N, C-alpha and C. Protein backbone atom coordinates (compact mmCIF):
# COMPACT_ATOMS: atom_id res chain seq x y z
N UNK A 1 -151.99 167.93 77.00
CA UNK A 1 -151.78 168.57 75.73
C UNK A 1 -151.61 167.50 74.65
N UNK A 2 -152.17 167.74 73.50
CA UNK A 2 -152.12 166.80 72.39
C UNK A 2 -150.84 167.03 71.61
N UNK A 3 -150.02 165.97 71.48
CA UNK A 3 -148.76 166.07 70.75
C UNK A 3 -148.93 165.85 69.24
N UNK A 4 -150.12 165.50 68.82
CA UNK A 4 -150.36 165.26 67.40
C UNK A 4 -150.27 166.58 66.64
N UNK A 5 -149.44 166.58 65.62
CA UNK A 5 -149.30 167.79 64.79
C UNK A 5 -150.58 168.01 63.98
N UNK A 6 -150.91 169.28 63.81
CA UNK A 6 -152.08 169.63 63.03
C UNK A 6 -151.79 169.35 61.56
N UNK A 7 -152.69 168.63 60.89
CA UNK A 7 -152.53 168.32 59.48
C UNK A 7 -152.92 169.53 58.64
N UNK A 8 -152.12 169.80 57.64
CA UNK A 8 -152.48 170.84 56.68
C UNK A 8 -153.57 170.29 55.77
N UNK A 9 -154.57 171.09 55.45
CA UNK A 9 -155.61 170.60 54.54
C UNK A 9 -155.01 170.35 53.16
N UNK A 10 -155.56 169.35 52.48
CA UNK A 10 -155.13 169.06 51.12
C UNK A 10 -155.52 170.24 50.22
N UNK A 11 -154.71 170.53 49.20
CA UNK A 11 -155.08 171.62 48.30
C UNK A 11 -156.40 171.30 47.58
N UNK A 12 -157.20 172.30 47.40
CA UNK A 12 -158.49 172.12 46.73
C UNK A 12 -158.26 171.86 45.24
N UNK A 13 -159.10 170.99 44.69
CA UNK A 13 -159.06 170.73 43.26
C UNK A 13 -160.05 171.66 42.58
N UNK A 14 -159.70 172.19 41.40
CA UNK A 14 -160.65 173.05 40.69
C UNK A 14 -161.93 172.28 40.34
N UNK A 15 -163.07 172.90 40.60
CA UNK A 15 -164.35 172.26 40.33
C UNK A 15 -165.38 173.34 40.00
N UNK A 16 -166.51 172.91 39.50
CA UNK A 16 -167.58 173.84 39.17
C UNK A 16 -168.91 173.27 39.65
N UNK A 17 -169.86 174.14 39.87
CA UNK A 17 -171.19 173.76 40.32
C UNK A 17 -172.22 174.42 39.42
N UNK A 18 -173.29 173.71 39.12
CA UNK A 18 -174.36 174.24 38.28
C UNK A 18 -175.60 174.37 39.13
N UNK A 19 -176.12 175.57 39.23
CA UNK A 19 -177.34 175.83 39.99
C UNK A 19 -178.48 175.86 38.98
N UNK A 20 -179.31 174.81 38.97
CA UNK A 20 -180.40 174.69 38.02
C UNK A 20 -181.69 175.14 38.70
N UNK A 21 -182.26 176.22 38.19
CA UNK A 21 -183.47 176.81 38.74
C UNK A 21 -184.48 177.02 37.63
N UNK A 22 -185.76 176.98 37.97
CA UNK A 22 -186.80 177.34 37.01
C UNK A 22 -188.02 177.85 37.77
N UNK A 23 -188.86 178.63 37.10
CA UNK A 23 -190.10 179.08 37.76
C UNK A 23 -190.97 177.87 38.10
N UNK A 24 -191.63 177.92 39.25
CA UNK A 24 -192.52 176.85 39.67
C UNK A 24 -193.72 176.69 38.76
N UNK A 25 -194.17 177.80 38.17
CA UNK A 25 -195.28 177.76 37.22
C UNK A 25 -194.71 178.10 35.85
N UNK A 26 -194.84 177.19 34.90
CA UNK A 26 -194.32 177.39 33.55
C UNK A 26 -194.83 178.70 32.96
N UNK A 27 -193.92 179.51 32.46
CA UNK A 27 -194.27 180.78 31.84
C UNK A 27 -194.50 181.91 32.81
N UNK A 28 -194.35 181.68 34.09
CA UNK A 28 -194.56 182.71 35.10
C UNK A 28 -193.26 182.96 35.87
N UNK A 29 -192.41 183.87 35.34
CA UNK A 29 -191.12 184.10 35.97
C UNK A 29 -191.22 184.66 37.39
N UNK A 30 -192.39 185.15 37.78
CA UNK A 30 -192.53 185.69 39.13
C UNK A 30 -192.95 184.62 40.14
N UNK A 31 -193.22 183.40 39.68
CA UNK A 31 -193.61 182.34 40.61
C UNK A 31 -192.39 181.87 41.40
N UNK A 32 -192.65 181.17 42.49
CA UNK A 32 -191.55 180.65 43.31
C UNK A 32 -190.67 179.76 42.46
N UNK A 33 -189.38 179.78 42.76
CA UNK A 33 -188.42 178.98 42.00
C UNK A 33 -188.39 177.54 42.47
N UNK A 34 -188.17 176.63 41.52
CA UNK A 34 -187.85 175.25 41.83
C UNK A 34 -186.34 175.11 41.70
N UNK A 35 -185.75 174.41 42.64
CA UNK A 35 -184.30 174.23 42.70
C UNK A 35 -184.00 172.76 42.46
N UNK A 36 -183.13 172.48 41.50
CA UNK A 36 -182.76 171.11 41.18
C UNK A 36 -181.51 170.72 41.96
N UNK A 37 -181.60 169.61 42.67
CA UNK A 37 -180.45 169.09 43.42
C UNK A 37 -180.40 167.59 43.22
N UNK A 38 -179.26 167.02 43.46
CA UNK A 38 -179.09 165.57 43.39
C UNK A 38 -178.66 165.06 44.76
N UNK A 39 -178.87 163.79 45.00
CA UNK A 39 -178.45 163.15 46.24
C UNK A 39 -177.13 162.44 45.96
N UNK A 40 -176.11 162.75 46.77
CA UNK A 40 -174.82 162.07 46.60
C UNK A 40 -174.99 160.58 46.86
N UNK A 41 -174.33 159.80 46.05
CA UNK A 41 -174.43 158.34 46.11
C UNK A 41 -174.05 157.84 47.50
N UNK A 42 -174.71 156.80 47.95
CA UNK A 42 -174.46 156.25 49.29
C UNK A 42 -173.08 155.63 49.45
N UNK A 43 -172.44 155.26 48.34
CA UNK A 43 -171.13 154.62 48.43
C UNK A 43 -169.96 155.61 48.40
N UNK A 44 -170.25 156.88 48.30
CA UNK A 44 -169.20 157.90 48.28
C UNK A 44 -168.70 158.11 49.71
N UNK A 45 -167.39 158.24 49.84
CA UNK A 45 -166.78 158.35 51.16
C UNK A 45 -167.26 159.56 51.96
N UNK A 46 -167.30 160.70 51.34
CA UNK A 46 -167.66 161.90 52.10
C UNK A 46 -169.02 162.44 51.68
N UNK A 47 -169.78 162.83 52.65
CA UNK A 47 -171.09 163.46 52.46
C UNK A 47 -172.08 162.57 51.70
N UNK A 48 -171.99 161.26 51.85
CA UNK A 48 -172.93 160.38 51.14
C UNK A 48 -174.35 160.71 51.60
N UNK A 49 -175.27 160.72 50.64
CA UNK A 49 -176.66 161.02 50.92
C UNK A 49 -177.00 162.50 51.02
N UNK A 50 -176.00 163.36 50.90
CA UNK A 50 -176.25 164.81 51.00
C UNK A 50 -176.92 165.33 49.74
N UNK A 51 -177.78 166.33 49.91
CA UNK A 51 -178.35 167.03 48.76
C UNK A 51 -177.33 168.04 48.27
N UNK A 52 -177.00 167.98 46.98
CA UNK A 52 -175.99 168.87 46.41
C UNK A 52 -176.44 169.34 45.04
N UNK A 53 -175.82 170.42 44.58
CA UNK A 53 -176.01 170.87 43.21
C UNK A 53 -175.12 170.02 42.31
N UNK A 54 -175.53 169.74 41.07
CA UNK A 54 -174.67 169.00 40.16
C UNK A 54 -173.35 169.74 39.96
N UNK A 55 -172.29 169.00 39.82
CA UNK A 55 -170.99 169.61 39.59
C UNK A 55 -169.88 168.65 39.94
N UNK A 56 -168.68 169.10 39.73
CA UNK A 56 -167.54 168.27 40.05
C UNK A 56 -166.25 168.86 39.52
N UNK A 57 -165.22 168.03 39.56
CA UNK A 57 -163.88 168.51 39.21
C UNK A 57 -163.72 168.68 37.70
N UNK A 58 -162.79 169.55 37.35
CA UNK A 58 -162.46 169.77 35.96
C UNK A 58 -161.68 168.59 35.41
N UNK A 59 -161.87 168.32 34.13
CA UNK A 59 -161.11 167.30 33.42
C UNK A 59 -160.30 167.97 32.32
N UNK A 60 -159.22 167.34 31.89
CA UNK A 60 -158.38 167.94 30.85
C UNK A 60 -159.17 168.29 29.59
N UNK A 61 -160.08 167.40 29.16
CA UNK A 61 -160.84 167.63 27.93
C UNK A 61 -161.73 168.88 28.02
N UNK A 62 -162.08 169.30 29.22
CA UNK A 62 -162.92 170.50 29.37
C UNK A 62 -162.22 171.74 28.81
N UNK A 63 -160.91 171.71 28.73
CA UNK A 63 -160.13 172.84 28.21
C UNK A 63 -159.68 172.66 26.78
N UNK A 64 -160.20 171.64 26.08
CA UNK A 64 -159.81 171.39 24.69
C UNK A 64 -160.15 172.60 23.81
N UNK A 65 -159.21 173.04 23.03
CA UNK A 65 -159.37 174.24 22.19
C UNK A 65 -160.53 174.11 21.19
N UNK A 66 -160.86 172.88 20.77
CA UNK A 66 -161.95 172.70 19.80
C UNK A 66 -163.30 173.11 20.38
N UNK A 67 -163.44 173.08 21.69
CA UNK A 67 -164.71 173.44 22.30
C UNK A 67 -164.96 174.94 22.24
N UNK A 68 -163.91 175.73 22.22
CA UNK A 68 -164.05 177.19 22.13
C UNK A 68 -164.81 177.58 20.86
N UNK A 69 -164.51 176.93 19.75
CA UNK A 69 -165.16 177.25 18.48
C UNK A 69 -166.65 176.93 18.50
N UNK A 70 -167.07 176.07 19.39
CA UNK A 70 -168.47 175.67 19.49
C UNK A 70 -169.24 176.46 20.54
N UNK A 71 -168.59 177.40 21.20
CA UNK A 71 -169.19 178.11 22.31
C UNK A 71 -169.52 179.55 21.95
N UNK A 72 -170.80 179.87 21.93
CA UNK A 72 -171.24 181.24 21.72
C UNK A 72 -170.79 182.08 22.90
N UNK A 73 -170.16 183.20 22.64
CA UNK A 73 -169.73 184.09 23.71
C UNK A 73 -168.38 183.77 24.29
N UNK A 74 -167.66 182.80 23.70
CA UNK A 74 -166.38 182.38 24.26
C UNK A 74 -165.28 183.41 24.05
N UNK A 75 -165.41 184.27 23.05
CA UNK A 75 -164.35 185.23 22.74
C UNK A 75 -164.04 186.13 23.93
N UNK A 76 -165.04 186.39 24.76
CA UNK A 76 -164.85 187.29 25.91
C UNK A 76 -164.30 186.57 27.14
N UNK A 77 -164.08 185.25 27.05
CA UNK A 77 -163.68 184.48 28.21
C UNK A 77 -162.23 183.99 28.09
N UNK A 78 -161.56 183.94 29.21
CA UNK A 78 -160.22 183.36 29.23
C UNK A 78 -160.36 181.84 29.09
N UNK A 79 -159.28 181.17 28.74
CA UNK A 79 -159.30 179.71 28.65
C UNK A 79 -159.69 179.08 29.97
N UNK A 80 -159.18 179.63 31.07
CA UNK A 80 -159.49 179.06 32.39
C UNK A 80 -160.97 179.18 32.73
N UNK A 81 -161.55 180.33 32.49
CA UNK A 81 -162.98 180.53 32.80
C UNK A 81 -163.83 179.63 31.92
N UNK A 82 -163.50 179.54 30.63
CA UNK A 82 -164.26 178.69 29.73
C UNK A 82 -164.18 177.22 30.17
N UNK A 83 -163.03 176.80 30.63
CA UNK A 83 -162.87 175.41 31.09
C UNK A 83 -163.81 175.11 32.26
N UNK A 84 -163.95 176.04 33.20
CA UNK A 84 -164.88 175.84 34.31
C UNK A 84 -166.31 175.71 33.80
N UNK A 85 -166.67 176.54 32.86
CA UNK A 85 -168.04 176.53 32.35
C UNK A 85 -168.34 175.26 31.57
N UNK A 86 -167.40 174.81 30.76
CA UNK A 86 -167.60 173.56 30.02
C UNK A 86 -167.68 172.39 31.00
N UNK A 87 -166.88 172.42 32.04
CA UNK A 87 -166.95 171.36 33.06
C UNK A 87 -168.35 171.32 33.67
N UNK A 88 -168.96 172.48 33.89
CA UNK A 88 -170.31 172.52 34.43
C UNK A 88 -171.32 171.88 33.49
N UNK A 89 -171.19 172.14 32.19
CA UNK A 89 -172.07 171.53 31.20
C UNK A 89 -171.91 170.01 31.23
N UNK A 90 -170.68 169.56 31.24
CA UNK A 90 -170.40 168.12 31.25
C UNK A 90 -170.92 167.46 32.52
N UNK A 91 -170.63 168.07 33.67
CA UNK A 91 -171.05 167.50 34.95
C UNK A 91 -172.57 167.43 35.06
N UNK A 92 -173.29 168.45 34.62
CA UNK A 92 -174.75 168.44 34.69
C UNK A 92 -175.30 167.28 33.84
N UNK A 93 -174.69 167.03 32.70
CA UNK A 93 -175.13 165.93 31.85
C UNK A 93 -174.78 164.58 32.47
N UNK A 94 -173.56 164.43 32.96
CA UNK A 94 -173.13 163.17 33.57
C UNK A 94 -173.98 162.81 34.79
N UNK A 95 -174.18 163.79 35.67
CA UNK A 95 -174.82 163.52 36.96
C UNK A 95 -176.33 163.44 36.91
N UNK A 96 -176.96 164.23 36.04
CA UNK A 96 -178.42 164.27 36.09
C UNK A 96 -179.10 164.30 34.73
N UNK A 97 -178.36 164.15 33.65
CA UNK A 97 -178.99 164.07 32.34
C UNK A 97 -179.47 165.38 31.77
N UNK A 98 -179.02 166.49 32.31
CA UNK A 98 -179.37 167.81 31.78
C UNK A 98 -178.23 168.24 30.86
N UNK A 99 -178.54 168.45 29.57
CA UNK A 99 -177.52 168.84 28.61
C UNK A 99 -177.73 170.29 28.21
N UNK A 100 -176.88 171.16 28.69
CA UNK A 100 -176.98 172.59 28.44
C UNK A 100 -176.26 172.91 27.14
N UNK A 101 -176.85 172.42 26.04
CA UNK A 101 -176.26 172.59 24.71
C UNK A 101 -177.40 172.69 23.69
N UNK A 102 -177.04 173.03 22.48
CA UNK A 102 -178.01 173.12 21.40
C UNK A 102 -177.39 172.51 20.15
N UNK A 103 -178.25 172.11 19.22
CA UNK A 103 -177.73 171.68 17.93
C UNK A 103 -177.08 172.88 17.28
N UNK A 104 -175.97 172.67 16.63
CA UNK A 104 -175.26 173.80 16.03
C UNK A 104 -176.17 174.52 15.04
N UNK A 105 -176.17 175.84 15.13
CA UNK A 105 -177.01 176.66 14.28
C UNK A 105 -178.36 176.98 14.89
N UNK A 106 -178.70 176.38 16.01
CA UNK A 106 -179.95 176.66 16.69
C UNK A 106 -179.66 177.38 18.00
N UNK A 107 -180.67 178.11 18.50
CA UNK A 107 -180.47 178.83 19.76
C UNK A 107 -181.06 178.09 20.95
N UNK A 108 -182.16 177.38 20.75
CA UNK A 108 -182.84 176.71 21.86
C UNK A 108 -182.02 175.53 22.36
N UNK A 109 -182.00 175.38 23.68
CA UNK A 109 -181.34 174.22 24.27
C UNK A 109 -182.08 172.95 23.85
N UNK A 110 -181.37 171.86 23.82
CA UNK A 110 -181.94 170.58 23.43
C UNK A 110 -183.05 170.22 24.41
N UNK A 111 -184.23 169.93 23.88
CA UNK A 111 -185.37 169.58 24.70
C UNK A 111 -185.41 168.07 24.98
N UNK A 112 -186.40 167.66 25.75
CA UNK A 112 -186.49 166.28 26.23
C UNK A 112 -186.54 165.26 25.10
N UNK A 113 -187.32 165.54 24.05
CA UNK A 113 -187.48 164.56 22.97
C UNK A 113 -186.16 164.29 22.26
N UNK A 114 -185.37 165.34 22.02
CA UNK A 114 -184.09 165.18 21.33
C UNK A 114 -182.99 164.70 22.26
N UNK A 115 -183.19 164.86 23.55
CA UNK A 115 -182.16 164.49 24.52
C UNK A 115 -182.07 162.98 24.73
N UNK A 116 -183.18 162.29 24.69
CA UNK A 116 -183.21 160.85 25.03
C UNK A 116 -182.17 160.03 24.27
N UNK A 117 -182.08 160.10 22.93
CA UNK A 117 -181.07 159.28 22.25
C UNK A 117 -179.63 159.71 22.55
N UNK A 118 -179.42 161.00 22.78
CA UNK A 118 -178.08 161.49 23.13
C UNK A 118 -177.70 160.96 24.50
N UNK A 119 -178.64 161.03 25.44
CA UNK A 119 -178.38 160.55 26.79
C UNK A 119 -178.08 159.04 26.77
N UNK A 120 -178.88 158.28 26.03
CA UNK A 120 -178.68 156.83 25.96
C UNK A 120 -177.30 156.47 25.42
N UNK A 121 -176.83 157.23 24.46
CA UNK A 121 -175.57 156.92 23.80
C UNK A 121 -174.34 157.42 24.58
N UNK A 122 -174.45 158.58 25.25
CA UNK A 122 -173.26 159.26 25.74
C UNK A 122 -173.11 159.37 27.25
N UNK A 123 -174.17 159.40 27.99
CA UNK A 123 -174.06 159.74 29.41
C UNK A 123 -173.18 158.77 30.19
N UNK A 124 -173.39 157.49 30.03
CA UNK A 124 -172.58 156.49 30.75
C UNK A 124 -171.13 156.53 30.27
N UNK A 125 -170.92 156.72 28.96
CA UNK A 125 -169.56 156.79 28.43
C UNK A 125 -168.78 157.93 29.07
N UNK A 126 -169.42 159.08 29.22
CA UNK A 126 -168.75 160.22 29.86
C UNK A 126 -168.45 159.92 31.32
N UNK A 127 -169.43 159.40 32.03
CA UNK A 127 -169.25 159.12 33.45
C UNK A 127 -168.18 158.06 33.70
N UNK A 128 -168.04 157.12 32.77
CA UNK A 128 -167.05 156.05 32.91
C UNK A 128 -165.71 156.38 32.25
N UNK A 129 -165.55 157.62 31.82
CA UNK A 129 -164.32 158.07 31.14
C UNK A 129 -164.01 157.27 29.89
N UNK A 130 -165.05 156.79 29.20
CA UNK A 130 -164.86 156.09 27.93
C UNK A 130 -164.96 157.06 26.76
N UNK A 131 -165.40 158.28 27.02
CA UNK A 131 -165.51 159.32 26.01
C UNK A 131 -165.33 160.65 26.72
N UNK A 132 -165.04 161.68 25.94
CA UNK A 132 -164.88 163.02 26.51
C UNK A 132 -165.99 163.95 26.00
N UNK A 133 -166.06 165.09 26.61
CA UNK A 133 -167.02 166.11 26.17
C UNK A 133 -166.77 166.49 24.72
N UNK A 134 -165.52 166.45 24.29
CA UNK A 134 -165.18 166.76 22.89
C UNK A 134 -165.81 165.72 21.96
N UNK A 135 -165.72 164.45 22.33
CA UNK A 135 -166.32 163.37 21.53
C UNK A 135 -167.82 163.60 21.37
N UNK A 136 -168.49 163.89 22.47
CA UNK A 136 -169.94 164.13 22.44
C UNK A 136 -170.29 165.31 21.56
N UNK A 137 -169.63 166.43 21.76
CA UNK A 137 -169.93 167.65 21.01
C UNK A 137 -169.69 167.45 19.52
N UNK A 138 -168.59 166.81 19.16
CA UNK A 138 -168.29 166.57 17.75
C UNK A 138 -169.28 165.61 17.10
N UNK A 139 -169.52 164.48 17.75
CA UNK A 139 -170.39 163.45 17.16
C UNK A 139 -171.83 163.91 17.01
N UNK A 140 -172.33 164.70 17.96
CA UNK A 140 -173.72 165.14 17.92
C UNK A 140 -173.87 166.52 17.27
N UNK A 141 -172.77 167.11 16.82
CA UNK A 141 -172.75 168.43 16.20
C UNK A 141 -173.44 169.47 17.08
N UNK A 142 -172.95 169.57 18.31
CA UNK A 142 -173.54 170.46 19.30
C UNK A 142 -172.77 171.76 19.43
N UNK A 143 -173.45 172.75 19.86
CA UNK A 143 -172.86 174.01 20.27
C UNK A 143 -173.32 174.28 21.68
N UNK A 144 -172.72 175.23 22.33
CA UNK A 144 -173.15 175.58 23.68
C UNK A 144 -172.85 177.04 23.90
N UNK A 145 -173.62 177.62 24.79
CA UNK A 145 -173.37 178.99 25.20
C UNK A 145 -172.55 178.96 26.45
N UNK A 146 -171.81 180.01 26.65
CA UNK A 146 -171.17 180.15 27.94
C UNK A 146 -172.32 180.16 28.94
N UNK A 147 -172.31 179.30 29.96
CA UNK A 147 -173.46 179.18 30.85
C UNK A 147 -173.84 180.42 31.63
N UNK A 148 -173.25 181.52 31.42
CA UNK A 148 -173.69 182.73 32.09
C UNK A 148 -172.59 183.34 32.92
N UNK A 149 -173.00 184.20 33.76
CA UNK A 149 -172.04 184.95 34.57
C UNK A 149 -171.66 184.17 35.81
N UNK A 150 -170.45 184.37 36.29
CA UNK A 150 -170.13 183.79 37.58
C UNK A 150 -171.07 184.37 38.63
N UNK A 151 -171.43 183.57 39.58
CA UNK A 151 -172.39 183.99 40.59
C UNK A 151 -171.74 184.82 41.69
N UNK A 152 -170.68 185.52 41.36
CA UNK A 152 -169.99 186.41 42.30
C UNK A 152 -169.60 185.72 43.60
N UNK A 153 -169.26 184.44 43.49
CA UNK A 153 -168.85 183.73 44.70
C UNK A 153 -168.02 182.52 44.33
N UNK A 154 -167.14 182.19 45.19
CA UNK A 154 -166.43 180.91 45.11
C UNK A 154 -166.52 180.31 46.50
N UNK A 155 -166.77 179.04 46.58
CA UNK A 155 -166.98 178.41 47.87
C UNK A 155 -165.95 177.33 48.08
N UNK A 156 -165.39 177.33 49.27
CA UNK A 156 -164.49 176.25 49.66
C UNK A 156 -164.64 176.07 51.16
N UNK A 157 -164.85 174.84 51.56
CA UNK A 157 -164.99 174.54 52.97
C UNK A 157 -163.60 174.28 53.53
N UNK A 158 -163.10 175.13 54.37
CA UNK A 158 -161.76 174.99 54.91
C UNK A 158 -161.55 173.76 55.76
N UNK A 159 -162.62 173.19 56.29
CA UNK A 159 -162.50 171.98 57.13
C UNK A 159 -162.93 170.73 56.37
N UNK A 160 -162.88 170.79 55.05
CA UNK A 160 -163.40 169.69 54.26
C UNK A 160 -162.42 168.53 54.17
N UNK A 161 -162.93 167.35 53.81
CA UNK A 161 -162.03 166.21 53.65
C UNK A 161 -161.08 166.42 52.47
N UNK A 162 -159.99 165.67 52.40
CA UNK A 162 -159.00 165.86 51.34
C UNK A 162 -159.56 165.72 49.93
N UNK A 163 -160.68 165.02 49.76
CA UNK A 163 -161.22 164.83 48.42
C UNK A 163 -162.05 166.02 47.95
N UNK A 164 -162.22 167.02 48.80
CA UNK A 164 -163.11 168.12 48.47
C UNK A 164 -162.49 169.11 47.50
N UNK A 165 -163.32 169.93 46.89
CA UNK A 165 -162.84 170.85 45.86
C UNK A 165 -163.37 172.26 46.10
N UNK A 166 -162.63 173.24 45.64
CA UNK A 166 -163.12 174.62 45.60
C UNK A 166 -163.99 174.71 44.37
N UNK A 167 -165.14 175.35 44.46
CA UNK A 167 -166.06 175.37 43.33
C UNK A 167 -166.46 176.79 42.97
N UNK A 168 -166.73 176.99 41.69
CA UNK A 168 -167.14 178.29 41.16
C UNK A 168 -168.49 178.13 40.49
N UNK A 169 -169.57 178.64 41.09
CA UNK A 169 -170.89 178.49 40.48
C UNK A 169 -171.11 179.49 39.35
N UNK A 170 -171.93 179.09 38.36
CA UNK A 170 -172.29 179.94 37.24
C UNK A 170 -173.81 179.91 37.07
N UNK A 171 -174.35 180.92 36.41
CA UNK A 171 -175.79 181.00 36.20
C UNK A 171 -176.09 181.08 34.71
N UNK A 172 -177.30 180.66 34.31
CA UNK A 172 -177.78 180.77 32.94
C UNK A 172 -179.30 180.84 32.98
N UNK A 173 -179.87 181.71 32.16
CA UNK A 173 -181.33 181.84 32.09
C UNK A 173 -181.88 181.04 30.92
N UNK A 174 -183.20 180.83 30.92
CA UNK A 174 -183.89 180.24 29.78
C UNK A 174 -183.70 178.75 29.62
N UNK A 175 -183.72 177.99 30.71
CA UNK A 175 -183.48 176.56 30.63
C UNK A 175 -184.74 175.73 30.85
N UNK A 176 -185.92 176.34 30.90
CA UNK A 176 -187.12 175.59 31.28
C UNK A 176 -187.36 174.36 30.43
N UNK A 177 -187.26 174.48 29.10
CA UNK A 177 -187.52 173.32 28.24
C UNK A 177 -186.49 172.24 28.46
N UNK A 178 -185.23 172.60 28.60
CA UNK A 178 -184.17 171.62 28.79
C UNK A 178 -184.31 170.91 30.13
N UNK A 179 -184.83 171.59 31.12
CA UNK A 179 -184.93 171.00 32.46
C UNK A 179 -186.23 170.26 32.70
N UNK A 180 -187.24 170.52 31.90
CA UNK A 180 -188.57 170.02 32.19
C UNK A 180 -188.60 168.52 32.43
N UNK A 181 -188.08 167.73 31.54
CA UNK A 181 -188.15 166.28 31.69
C UNK A 181 -187.35 165.82 32.91
N UNK A 182 -186.22 166.41 33.15
CA UNK A 182 -185.38 165.98 34.26
C UNK A 182 -186.02 166.34 35.58
N UNK A 183 -186.56 167.54 35.71
CA UNK A 183 -187.21 167.94 36.95
C UNK A 183 -188.37 166.99 37.25
N UNK A 184 -189.13 166.65 36.24
CA UNK A 184 -190.33 165.84 36.45
C UNK A 184 -190.01 164.37 36.63
N UNK A 185 -188.89 163.91 36.13
CA UNK A 185 -188.57 162.50 36.07
C UNK A 185 -187.79 162.03 37.29
N UNK A 186 -186.78 162.75 37.73
CA UNK A 186 -185.92 162.21 38.78
C UNK A 186 -185.22 163.33 39.54
N UNK A 187 -186.00 164.09 40.22
CA UNK A 187 -185.35 165.19 40.93
C UNK A 187 -185.99 165.41 42.28
N UNK A 188 -185.30 166.18 43.05
CA UNK A 188 -185.84 166.66 44.30
C UNK A 188 -185.97 168.16 44.12
N UNK A 189 -187.15 168.69 44.30
CA UNK A 189 -187.35 170.11 44.12
C UNK A 189 -187.78 170.73 45.43
N UNK A 190 -187.45 171.96 45.57
CA UNK A 190 -187.84 172.72 46.75
C UNK A 190 -188.24 174.11 46.29
N UNK A 191 -189.41 174.55 46.67
CA UNK A 191 -189.82 175.91 46.34
C UNK A 191 -189.14 176.87 47.30
N UNK A 192 -188.67 177.99 46.76
CA UNK A 192 -188.05 178.99 47.65
C UNK A 192 -188.52 180.37 47.27
C-alpha cells in the first residue's frame, strides 16, 4: 500500500480561450471550416509542443472600467464576463497577432494592412507586461465588440498540472478579414 498522501489539485486560475474559425473558401459560409491553432512553445513546462487555441489567464487590466466604454454590447454583460472576453481579445493579439478590435466609430475589424504597425508597436510590449490592453486601446483609439456568446461550456482538466487554468470559450462571427493575414502567414489549419 502506498503511504503517500494524495495531493489536492491546485485551484484553477481564471482563463479564456478564443476559437478562431473561418470558411475554407472566402465568401462561402457553407464550405468546410478552417480552425486556427497555435503550437505551445517548446520551453513551456507543461504540454510543450501541443496544438492549442489561443488564450490564457486573466490579467488585472482586463477588468479596467475604461474598457467597458469602448466595448459595443458591454451594457448587457457583468464585469466578470466582460473581463473574460477582453482577456480573450488581448490573448489572441499577444499569442498570434489577431486583433479583434476596430478603430473607434467603425464596425469592421482591423484588417491586415492596418494591423501591421499596431502589431509592431504593441504586441511584444503586451506579452512582456510592459504595457496593458488599456494602453493599447487608448493609444490606438480602438473599440471592440463583446466577442460573442459563451460557447455553452467551460473546460477544466481535473488531472492537470498546477499551472493549468479553467477556461471559458467565446465565439464571434465575421472575422475573415481580420484573420486572413494571420491564417496565411503563420498558422496551422485543419479543415473540419
